[in-house]
Amino acid sequence: MIVPASVPEARLESVLGRTSPLTKLAVAFAWLAGLAATRQPWPPLAMTLSALLAGLVLGRIPPRTLMHAIAPVWIVALVVAVSNTVFGAANPDPAASEILRIGLLRITEQALATGVGLGLRVVAIGSVGAVFALTTDSTRLVDALVQQAGVPARFAYGAFAAYQAVPRFAEDLATLRQARRIRGLRGSWHPGLLLSLLVLAIRHGDRMALAMDARAFGSGPRSRFREVHWSALDVAIAIGSTVALAGILVLSASR
């Protein structure tokens, strides 16, 4: 079953856990923008190591949890690297430096560098995203979007409620399959299940909208149960991450 992940209390009390989600989101976007500023393969690797180190030390993420979170990213990165190396545009170029030939397959140094660089970028993006997700409480993220970014409460909390309803799709699917078995039909996949899931999703959405209307979402100013404030920690994290990003880009430009 798909279940929205909850962040342990110890992780929420860490340096990254106490940092505003918007600060971490801005840092993540800045680092991803920095990836677009360089084509060399080692800056993404440096960003990956920096993100993982920050998650382990500042976020108190257990190494096993962090490795388990980014394991699928390594698989995707390997596929990206291999496919871009094998089918690279530089391989048919006679002027490119050949490093391997297997029958009609020709691998050049330029294609390998491009493939490895793209694969490392995938790893860097996945690592930054994993550290953000593993140190950010989804409820606090929505509160920060509403209070600090000025996102309309009706939209932000509606999206959050939809995210929280994701596990219900797995429950509905299991219920529908059981109902088919009771009627003597096969409980395996059937196109009719899609229509049934759509109907149930619309019903759940209707109830959710009525519940939000009953709580007067979007009708005016509201009191807040959880206050989210900027702090000196946000400034320190923003400055530290900016300095680290600038150092990586400057060193890559000087090579």
C-alpha atoms as a PDB file:
ATOM      1  CA  MET A   1       0.000   0.000   0.000  1.00  0.00           C
ATOM      2  CA  ILE A   2       1.204   3.524  -0.761  1.00  0.00           C
ATOM      3  CA  VAL A   3       1.311   5.532   2.462  1.00  0.00           C
ATOM      4  CA  PRO A   4       2.436   9.168   2.832  1.00  0.00           C
ATOM      5  CA  ALA A   5       5.705   9.044   4.735  1.00  0.00           C
ATOM      6  CA  SER A   6       5.882  10.528   8.224  1.00  0.00           C
ATOM      7  CA  VAL A   7       9.106  12.110   9.456  1.00  0.00           C
ATOM      8  CA  PRO A   8      10.343  10.865  12.874  1.00  0.00           C
ATOM      9  CA  GLU A   9      10.485  13.395  15.697  1.00  0.00           C
ATOM     10  CA  ALA A  10      14.274  13.094  16.049  1.00  0.00           C
ATOM     11  CA  ARG A  11      14.680  14.131  12.412  1.00  0.00           C
ATOM     12  CA  LEU A  12      12.269  17.052  12.824  1.00  0.00           C
ATOM     13  CA  GLU A  13      14.389  18.313  15.735  1.00  0.00           C
ATOM     14  CA  SER A  14      17.571  18.275  13.647  1.00  0.00           C
ATOM     15  CA  VAL A  15      19.094  21.358  12.021  1.00  0.00           C
ATOM     16  CA  LEU A  16      17.443  20.637   8.672  1.00  0.00           C
ATOM     17  CA  GLY A  17      14.214  19.581  10.365  1.00  0.00           C
ATOM     18  CA  ARG A  18      13.926  22.941  12.144  1.00  0.00           C
ATOM     19  CA  THR A  19      14.751  24.884   8.982  1.00  0.00           C
ATOM     20  CA  SER A  20      11.792  26.379   7.143  1.00  0.00           C
ATOM     21  CA  PRO A  21      10.613  24.104   4.302  1.00  0.00           C
ATOM     22  CA  LEU A  22      10.640  27.111   1.971  1.00  0.00           C
ATOM     23  CA  THR A  23      14.321  27.731   2.726  1.00  0.00           C
ATOM     24  CA  LYS A  24      15.166  24.122   1.908  1.00  0.00           C
ATOM     25  CA  LEU A  25      12.989  24.283  -1.204  1.00  0.00           C
ATOM     26  CA  ALA A  26      14.794  27.437  -2.380  1.00  0.00           C
ATOM     27  CA  VAL A  27      18.174  25.814  -1.704  1.00  0.00           C
ATOM     28  CA  ALA A  28      17.130  22.720  -3.674  1.00  0.00           C
ATOM     29  CA  PHE A  29      16.045  24.800  -6.673  1.00  0.00           C
ATOM     30  CA  ALA A  30      19.247  26.868  -6.502  1.00  0.00           C
ATOM     31  CA  TRP A  31      21.375  23.739  -6.541  1.00  0.00           C
ATOM     32  CA  LEU A  32      19.402  22.287  -9.444  1.00  0.00           C
ATOM     33  CA  ALA A  33      19.856  25.560 -11.326  1.00  0.00           C
ATOM     34  CA  GLY A  34      23.571  25.327 -10.587  1.00  0.00           C
ATOM     35  CA  LEU A  35      23.662  21.950 -12.343  1.00  0.00           C
ATOM     36  CA  ALA A  36      22.548  23.670 -15.526  1.00  0.00           C
ATOM     37  CA  ALA A  37      25.480  26.085 -15.295  1.00  0.00           C
ATOM     38  CA  THR A  38      28.146  23.436 -15.836  1.00  0.00           C
ATOM     39  CA  ARG A  39      28.637  20.479 -18.160  1.00  0.00           C
ATOM     40  CA  GLN A  40      31.530  18.855 -16.327  1.00  0.00           C
ATOM     41  CA  PRO A  41      30.849  15.515 -14.610  1.00  0.00           C
ATOM     42  CA  TRP A  42      32.432  16.196 -11.232  1.00  0.00           C
ATOM     43  CA  PRO A  43      30.245  19.133  -9.984  1.00  0.00           C
ATOM     44  CA  PRO A  44      27.122  16.870  -9.830  1.00  0.00           C
ATOM     45  CA  LEU A  45      29.200  14.339  -7.901  1.00  0.00           C
ATOM     46  CA  ALA A  46      30.327  17.049  -5.464  1.00  0.00           C
ATOM     47  CA  MET A  47      26.721  18.204  -5.029  1.00  0.00           C
ATOM     48  CA  THR A  48      25.603  14.634  -4.395  1.00  0.00           C
ATOM     49  CA  LEU A  49      28.230  14.099  -1.699  1.00  0.00           C
ATOM     50  CA  SER A  50      27.419  17.478  -0.121  1.00  0.00           C
ATOM     51  CA  ALA A  51      23.681  16.713  -0.045  1.00  0.00           C
ATOM     52  CA  LEU A  52      24.202  13.246   1.436  1.00  0.00           C
ATOM     53  CA  LEU A  53      26.623  14.588   4.061  1.00  0.00           C
ATOM     54  CA  ALA A  54      24.141  17.318   5.003  1.00  0.00           C
ATOM     55  CA  GLY A  55      21.373  14.741   5.317  1.00  0.00           C
ATOM     56  CA  LEU A  56      23.467  12.478   7.536  1.00  0.00           C
ATOM     57  CA  VAL A  57      24.950  15.181   9.778  1.00  0.00           C
ATOM     58  CA  LEU A  58      22.465  18.075   9.753  1.00  0.00           C
ATOM     59  CA  GLY A  59      19.329  16.019   9.099  1.00  0.00           C
ATOM     60  CA  ARG A  60      20.090  13.022  11.352  1.00  0.00           C
ATOM     61  CA  ILE A  61      18.933  10.667   8.597  1.00  0.00           C
ATOM     62  CA  PRO A  62      20.032   7.073   9.293  1.00  0.00           C
ATOM     63  CA  PRO A  63      22.479   5.922   6.589  1.00  0.00           C
ATOM     64  CA  ARG A  64      20.356   2.880   5.768  1.00  0.00           C
ATOM     65  CA  THR A  65      17.238   5.021   5.317  1.00  0.00           C
ATOM     66  CA  LEU A  66      19.081   7.465   3.082  1.00  0.00           C
ATOM     67  CA  MET A  67      20.636   4.736   0.949  1.00  0.00           C
ATOM     68  CA  HIS A  68      17.284   2.987   0.603  1.00  0.00           C
ATOM     69  CA  ALA A  69      15.678   6.260  -0.535  1.00  0.00           C
ATOM     70  CA  ILE A  70      18.203   6.962  -3.277  1.00  0.00           C
ATOM     71  CA  ALA A  71      18.695   3.370  -4.446  1.00  0.00           C
ATOM     72  CA  PRO A  72      16.074   3.690  -7.243  1.00  0.00           C
ATOM     73  CA  VAL A  73      17.793   6.889  -8.356  1.00  0.00           C
ATOM     74  CA  TRP A  74      21.042   5.018  -8.967  1.00  0.00           C
ATOM     75  CA  ILE A  75      19.192   2.524 -11.162  1.00  0.00           C
ATOM     76  CA  VAL A  76      17.639   5.317 -13.221  1.00  0.00           C
ATOM     77  CA  ALA A  77      21.017   7.096 -13.412  1.00  0.00           C
ATOM     78  CA  LEU A  78      22.682   3.917 -14.689  1.00  0.00           C
ATOM     79  CA  VAL A  79      20.056   3.520 -17.410  1.00  0.00           C
ATOM     80  CA  VAL A  80      20.444   7.177 -18.411  1.00  0.00           C
ATOM     81  CA  ALA A  81      24.240   6.946 -18.468  1.00  0.00           C
ATOM     82  CA  VAL A  82      24.351   3.720 -20.503  1.00  0.00           C
ATOM     83  CA  SER A  83      21.697   4.773 -23.022  1.00  0.00           C
ATOM     84  CA  ASN A  84      23.297   8.174 -23.628  1.00  0.00           C
ATOM     85  CA  THR A  85      26.723   6.577 -23.951  1.00  0.00           C
ATOM     86  CA  VAL A  86      25.629   3.888 -26.405  1.00  0.00           C
ATOM     87  CA  PHE A  87      23.383   6.148 -28.499  1.00  0.00           C
ATOM     88  CA  GLY A  88      25.450   9.317 -28.118  1.00  0.00           C
ATOM     89  CA  ALA A  89      25.570  11.701 -31.048  1.00  0.00           C
ATOM     90  CA  ALA A  90      29.381  11.737 -30.907  1.00  0.00           C
ATOM     91  CA  ASN A  91      29.754   7.998 -31.589  1.00  0.00           C
ATOM     92  CA  PRO A  92      29.327   8.216 -35.424  1.00  0.00           C
ATOM     93  CA  ASP A  93      31.720  11.182 -35.589  1.00  0.00           C
ATOM     94  CA  PRO A  94      35.042  10.012 -37.107  1.00  0.00           C
ATOM     95  CA  ALA A  95      36.860  12.900 -35.408  1.00  0.00           C
ATOM     96  CA  ALA A  96      35.777  11.763 -31.929  1.00  0.00           C
ATOM     97  CA  SER A  97      38.233   9.746 -29.831  1.00  0.00           C
ATOM     98  CA  GLU A  98      37.248   6.082 -29.909  1.00  0.00           C
ATOM     99  CA  ILE A  99      37.681   4.116 -26.677  1.00  0.00           C
ATOM    100  CA  LEU A 100      35.722   0.929 -27.454  1.00  0.00           C
ATOM    101  CA  ARG A 101      34.336  -0.907 -30.467  1.00  0.00           C
ATOM    102  CA  ILE A 102      32.180  -4.035 -30.372  1.00  0.00           C
ATOM    103  CA  GLY A 103      31.091  -4.995 -33.867  1.00  0.00           C
ATOM    104  CA  LEU A 104      29.142  -2.076 -35.251  1.00  0.00           C
ATOM    105  CA  LEU A 105      28.918  -0.453 -31.815  1.00  0.00           C
ATOM    106  CA  ARG A 106      31.400   2.383 -31.386  1.00  0.00           C
ATOM    107  CA  ILE A 107      31.876   4.202 -28.071  1.00  0.00           C
ATOM    108  CA  THR A 108      33.736   7.507 -28.046  1.00  0.00           C
ATOM    109  CA  GLU A 109      35.239   9.483 -25.207  1.00  0.00           C
ATOM    110  CA  GLN A 110      32.848  12.391 -25.787  1.00  0.00           C
ATOM    111  CA  ALA A 111      29.758  10.139 -25.651  1.00  0.00           C
ATOM    112  CA  LEU A 112      31.014   8.474 -22.470  1.00  0.00           C
ATOM    113  CA  ALA A 113      31.612  11.854 -20.815  1.00  0.00           C
ATOM    114  CA  THR A 114      28.119  13.001 -21.796  1.00  0.00           C
ATOM    115  CA  GLY A 115      26.472   9.807 -20.534  1.00  0.00           C
ATOM    116  CA  VAL A 116      28.334   9.807 -17.219  1.00  0.00           C
ATOM    117  CA  GLY A 117      27.606  13.505 -16.743  1.00  0.00           C
ATOM    118  CA  LEU A 118      23.873  13.039 -17.306  1.00  0.00           C
ATOM    119  CA  GLY A 119      23.808  10.021 -14.998  1.00  0.00           C
ATOM    120  CA  LEU A 120      25.538  11.965 -12.224  1.00  0.00           C
ATOM    121  CA  ARG A 121      23.057  14.812 -12.662  1.00  0.00           C
ATOM    122  CA  VAL A 122      20.198  12.377 -12.100  1.00  0.00           C
ATOM    123  CA  VAL A 123      21.913  11.166  -8.914  1.00  0.00           C
ATOM    124  CA  ALA A 124      22.445  14.750  -7.720  1.00  0.00           C
ATOM    125  CA  ILE A 125      18.811  15.684  -8.324  1.00  0.00           C
ATOM    126  CA  GLY A 126      17.588  12.533  -6.581  1.00  0.00           C
ATOM    127  CA  SER A 127      19.924  13.029  -3.603  1.00  0.00           C
ATOM    128  CA  VAL A 128      18.856  16.631  -3.034  1.00  0.00           C
ATOM    129  CA  GLY A 129      15.194  15.642  -3.344  1.00  0.00           C
ATOM    130  CA  ALA A 130      15.619  12.693  -0.964  1.00  0.00           C
ATOM    131  CA  VAL A 131      17.245  14.820   1.742  1.00  0.00           C
ATOM    132  CA  PHE A 132      14.479  17.410   1.392  1.00  0.00           C
ATOM    133  CA  ALA A 133      11.703  14.807   1.628  1.00  0.00           C
ATOM    134  CA  LEU A 134      13.274  12.908   4.535  1.00  0.00           C
ATOM    135  CA  THR A 135      13.688  16.044   6.674  1.00  0.00           C
ATOM    136  CA  THR A 136      10.455  17.880   5.839  1.00  0.00           C
ATOM    137  CA  ASP A 137       7.074  17.281   7.419  1.00  0.00           C
ATOM    138  CA  SER A 138       4.361  17.583   4.765  1.00  0.00           C
ATOM    139  CA  THR A 139       2.005  19.455   7.112  1.00  0.00           C
ATOM    140  CA  ARG A 140       4.691  22.009   7.980  1.00  0.00           C
ATOM    141  CA  LEU A 141       5.472  22.425   4.289  1.00  0.00           C
ATOM    142  CA  VAL A 142       1.855  23.351   3.559  1.00  0.00           C
ATOM    143  CA  ASP A 143       1.771  25.697   6.580  1.00  0.00           C
ATOM    144  CA  ALA A 144       4.937  27.412   5.301  1.00  0.00           C
ATOM    145  CA  LEU A 145       3.482  27.783   1.797  1.00  0.00           C
ATOM    146  CA  VAL A 146       0.385  29.459   3.223  1.00  0.00           C
ATOM    147  CA  GLN A 147       2.019  31.622   5.894  1.00  0.00           C
ATOM    148  CA  GLN A 148       5.372  32.499   4.329  1.00  0.00           C
ATOM    149  CA  ALA A 149       4.775  32.228   0.584  1.00  0.00           C
ATOM    150  CA  GLY A 150       1.212  33.539   0.561  1.00  0.00           C
ATOM    151  CA  VAL A 151      -0.255  30.552  -1.283  1.00  0.00           C
ATOM    152  CA  PRO A 152      -4.092  30.536  -0.949  1.00  0.00           C
ATOM    153  CA  ALA A 153      -5.118  28.270   1.909  1.00  0.00           C
ATOM    154  CA  ARG A 154      -7.904  26.688  -0.113  1.00  0.00           C
ATOM    155  CA  PHE A 155      -5.494  25.570  -2.822  1.00  0.00           C
ATOM    156  CA  ALA A 156      -2.613  24.535  -0.518  1.00  0.00           C
ATOM    157  CA  TYR A 157      -4.660  22.533   1.966  1.00  0.00           C
ATOM    158  CA  GLY A 158      -6.761  21.072  -0.845  1.00  0.00           C
ATOM    159  CA  ALA A 159      -3.622  19.739  -2.521  1.00  0.00           C
ATOM    160  CA  PHE A 160      -2.399  18.422   0.829  1.00  0.00           C
ATOM    161  CA  ALA A 161      -5.721  16.669   1.454  1.00  0.00           C
ATOM    162  CA  ALA A 162      -5.508  15.082  -1.998  1.00  0.00           C
ATOM    163  CA  TYR A 163      -1.996  13.850  -1.186  1.00  0.00           C
ATOM    164  CA  GLN A 164      -3.200  12.370   2.080  1.00  0.00           C
ATOM    165  CA  ALA A 165      -5.977  10.569   0.180  1.00  0.00           C
ATOM    166  CA  VAL A 166      -3.522   8.657  -2.031  1.00  0.00           C
ATOM    167  CA  PRO A 167      -3.517   5.523   0.203  1.00  0.00           C
ATOM    168  CA  ARG A 168      -7.272   5.303  -0.236  1.00  0.00           C
ATOM    169  CA  PHE A 169      -6.820   4.382  -3.898  1.00  0.00           C
ATOM    170  CA  ALA A 170      -4.979   1.206  -2.870  1.00  0.00           C
ATOM    171  CA  GLU A 171      -7.751   0.377  -0.398  1.00  0.00           C
ATOM    172  CA  ASP A 172     -10.436   1.040  -3.014  1.00  0.00           C
ATOM    173  CA  LEU A 173      -8.643  -1.150  -5.548  1.00  0.00           C
ATOM    174  CA  ALA A 174      -8.435  -4.020  -3.049  1.00  0.00           C
ATOM    175  CA  THR A 175     -12.138  -3.629  -2.221  1.00  0.00           C
ATOM    176  CA  LEU A 176     -13.135  -3.626  -5.893  1.00  0.00           C
ATOM    177  CA  ARG A 177     -11.117  -6.779  -6.580  1.00  0.00           C
ATOM    178  CA  GLN A 178     -12.735  -8.532  -3.630  1.00  0.00           C
ATOM    179  CA  ALA A 179     -16.170  -7.499  -4.920  1.00  0.00           C
ATOM    180  CA  ARG A 180     -15.357  -9.026  -8.308  1.00  0.00           C
ATOM    181  CA  ARG A 181     -14.307 -12.294  -6.673  1.00  0.00           C
ATOM    182  CA  ILE A 182     -17.567 -12.403  -4.676  1.00  0.00           C
ATOM    183  CA  ARG A 183     -19.505 -12.094  -7.956  1.00  0.00           C
ATOM    184  CA  GLY A 184     -17.529 -15.008  -9.396  1.00  0.00           C
ATOM    185  CA  LEU A 185     -15.315 -12.848 -11.620  1.00  0.00           C
ATOM    186  CA  ARG A 186     -11.555 -12.817 -11.798  1.00  0.00           C
ATOM    187  CA  GLY A 187      -9.944 -10.563  -9.201  1.00  0.00           C
ATOM    188  CA  SER A 188      -7.009  -9.734 -11.450  1.00  0.00           C
ATOM    189  CA  TRP A 189      -6.644  -6.525 -13.403  1.00  0.00           C
ATOM    190  CA  HIS A 190      -9.633  -5.499 -15.533  1.00  0.00           C
ATOM    191  CA  PRO A 191     -10.309  -2.262 -17.494  1.00  0.00           C
ATOM    192  CA  GLY A 192     -13.594  -1.848 -15.607  1.00  0.00           C
ATOM    193  CA  LEU A 193     -11.622  -1.238 -12.431  1.00  0.00           C
ATOM    194  CA  LEU A 194     -10.410   2.083 -13.854  1.00  0.00           C
ATOM    195  CA  LEU A 195     -13.965   3.388 -14.227  1.00  0.00           C
ATOM    196  CA  SER A 196     -14.867   2.207 -10.734  1.00  0.00           C
ATOM    197  CA  LEU A 197     -11.776   3.867  -9.265  1.00  0.00           C
ATOM    198  CA  LEU A 198     -12.677   7.092 -11.086  1.00  0.00           C
ATOM    199  CA  VAL A 199     -16.199   7.054  -9.628  1.00  0.00           C
ATOM    200  CA  LEU A 200     -14.866   6.467  -6.114  1.00  0.00           C
ATOM    201  CA  ALA A 201     -12.262   9.213  -6.544  1.00  0.00           C
ATOM    202  CA  ILE A 202     -14.989  11.690  -7.546  1.00  0.00           C
ATOM    203  CA  ARG A 203     -17.057  10.703  -4.501  1.00  0.00           C
ATOM    204  CA  HIS A 204     -14.060  11.128  -2.182  1.00  0.00           C
ATOM    205  CA  GLY A 205     -13.295  14.486  -3.765  1.00  0.00           C
ATOM    206  CA  ASP A 206     -16.906  15.589  -3.252  1.00  0.00           C
ATOM    207  CA  ARG A 207     -16.773  14.726   0.433  1.00  0.00           C
ATOM    208  CA  MET A 208     -13.431  16.467   0.820  1.00  0.00           C
ATOM    209  CA  ALA A 209     -14.732  19.640  -0.838  1.00  0.00           C
ATOM    210  CA  LEU A 210     -17.819  19.654   1.397  1.00  0.00           C
ATOM    211  CA  ALA A 211     -15.636  19.182   4.483  1.00  0.00           C
ATOM    212  CA  MET A 212     -13.430  22.119   3.491  1.00  0.00           C
ATOM    213  CA  ASP A 213     -16.458  24.308   2.765  1.00  0.00           C
ATOM    214  CA  ALA A 214     -17.907  23.375   6.161  1.00  0.00           C
ATOM    215  CA  ARG A 215     -14.669  24.657   7.734  1.00  0.00           C
ATOM    216  CA  ALA A 216     -14.960  27.915   5.752  1.00  0.00           C
ATOM    217  CA  PHE A 217     -11.743  27.537   3.772  1.00  0.00           C
ATOM    218  CA  GLY A 218     -11.196  30.535   1.521  1.00  0.00           C
ATOM    219  CA  SER A 219     -13.892  32.650   3.217  1.00  0.00           C
ATOM    220  CA  GLY A 220     -11.477  35.051   4.923  1.00  0.00           C
ATOM    221  CA  PRO A 221      -8.707  35.354   7.519  1.00  0.00           C
ATOM    222  CA  ARG A 222      -8.212  32.253   9.642  1.00  0.00           C
ATOM    223  CA  SER A 223      -6.510  31.568  12.964  1.00  0.00           C
ATOM    224  CA  ARG A 224      -3.450  29.300  12.878  1.00  0.00           C
ATOM    225  CA  PHE A 225      -2.789  26.266  15.005  1.00  0.00           C
ATOM    226  CA  ARG A 226       0.869  25.941  13.884  1.00  0.00           C
ATOM    227  CA  GLU A 227       2.888  29.118  13.370  1.00  0.00           C
ATOM    228  CA  VAL A 228       5.860  29.006  10.990  1.00  0.00           C
ATOM    229  CA  HIS A 229       8.446  31.788  11.371  1.00  0.00           C
ATOM    230  CA  TRP A 230      11.723  32.721   9.731  1.00  0.00           C
ATOM    231  CA  SER A 231      14.765  32.342  11.982  1.00  0.00           C
ATOM    232  CA  ALA A 232      18.518  32.834  12.059  1.00  0.00           C
ATOM    233  CA  LEU A 233      18.848  29.155  11.192  1.00  0.00           C
ATOM    234  CA  ASP A 234      17.197  29.793   7.818  1.00  0.00           C
ATOM    235  CA  VAL A 235      19.709  32.550   7.092  1.00  0.00           C
ATOM    236  CA  ALA A 236      22.634  30.311   8.084  1.00  0.00           C
ATOM    237  CA  ILE A 237      21.420  27.410   5.922  1.00  0.00           C
ATOM    238  CA  ALA A 238      20.799  29.710   2.943  1.00  0.00           C
ATOM    239  CA  ILE A 239      24.232  31.349   3.215  1.00  0.00           C
ATOM    240  CA  GLY A 240      26.045  28.058   3.789  1.00  0.00           C
ATOM    241  CA  SER A 241      24.398  26.332   0.848  1.00  0.00           C
ATOM    242  CA  THR A 242      25.028  29.325  -1.413  1.00  0.00           C
ATOM    243  CA  VAL A 243      28.712  29.411  -0.476  1.00  0.00           C
ATOM    244  CA  ALA A 244      29.003  25.660  -1.082  1.00  0.00           C
ATOM    245  CA  LEU A 245      27.303  25.940  -4.482  1.00  0.00           C
ATOM    246  CA  ALA A 246      29.458  28.921  -5.498  1.00  0.00           C
ATOM    247  CA  GLY A 247      32.609  27.067  -4.447  1.00  0.00           C
ATOM    248  CA  ILE A 248      31.699  24.011  -6.500  1.00  0.00           C
ATOM    249  CA  LEU A 249      30.913  26.100  -9.592  1.00  0.00           C
ATOM    250  CA  VAL A 250      34.067  28.241  -9.261  1.00  0.00           C
ATOM    251  CA  LEU A 251      36.278  25.189  -8.879  1.00  0.00           C
ATOM    252  CA  SER A 252      34.619  23.517 -11.876  1.00  0.00           C
ATOM    253  CA  ALA A 253      35.170  26.646 -14.007  1.00  0.00           C
ATOM    254  CA  SER A 254      38.859  26.789 -13.069  1.00  0.00           C
ATOM    255  CA  ARG A 255      39.554  23.199 -14.157  1.00  0.00           C
END
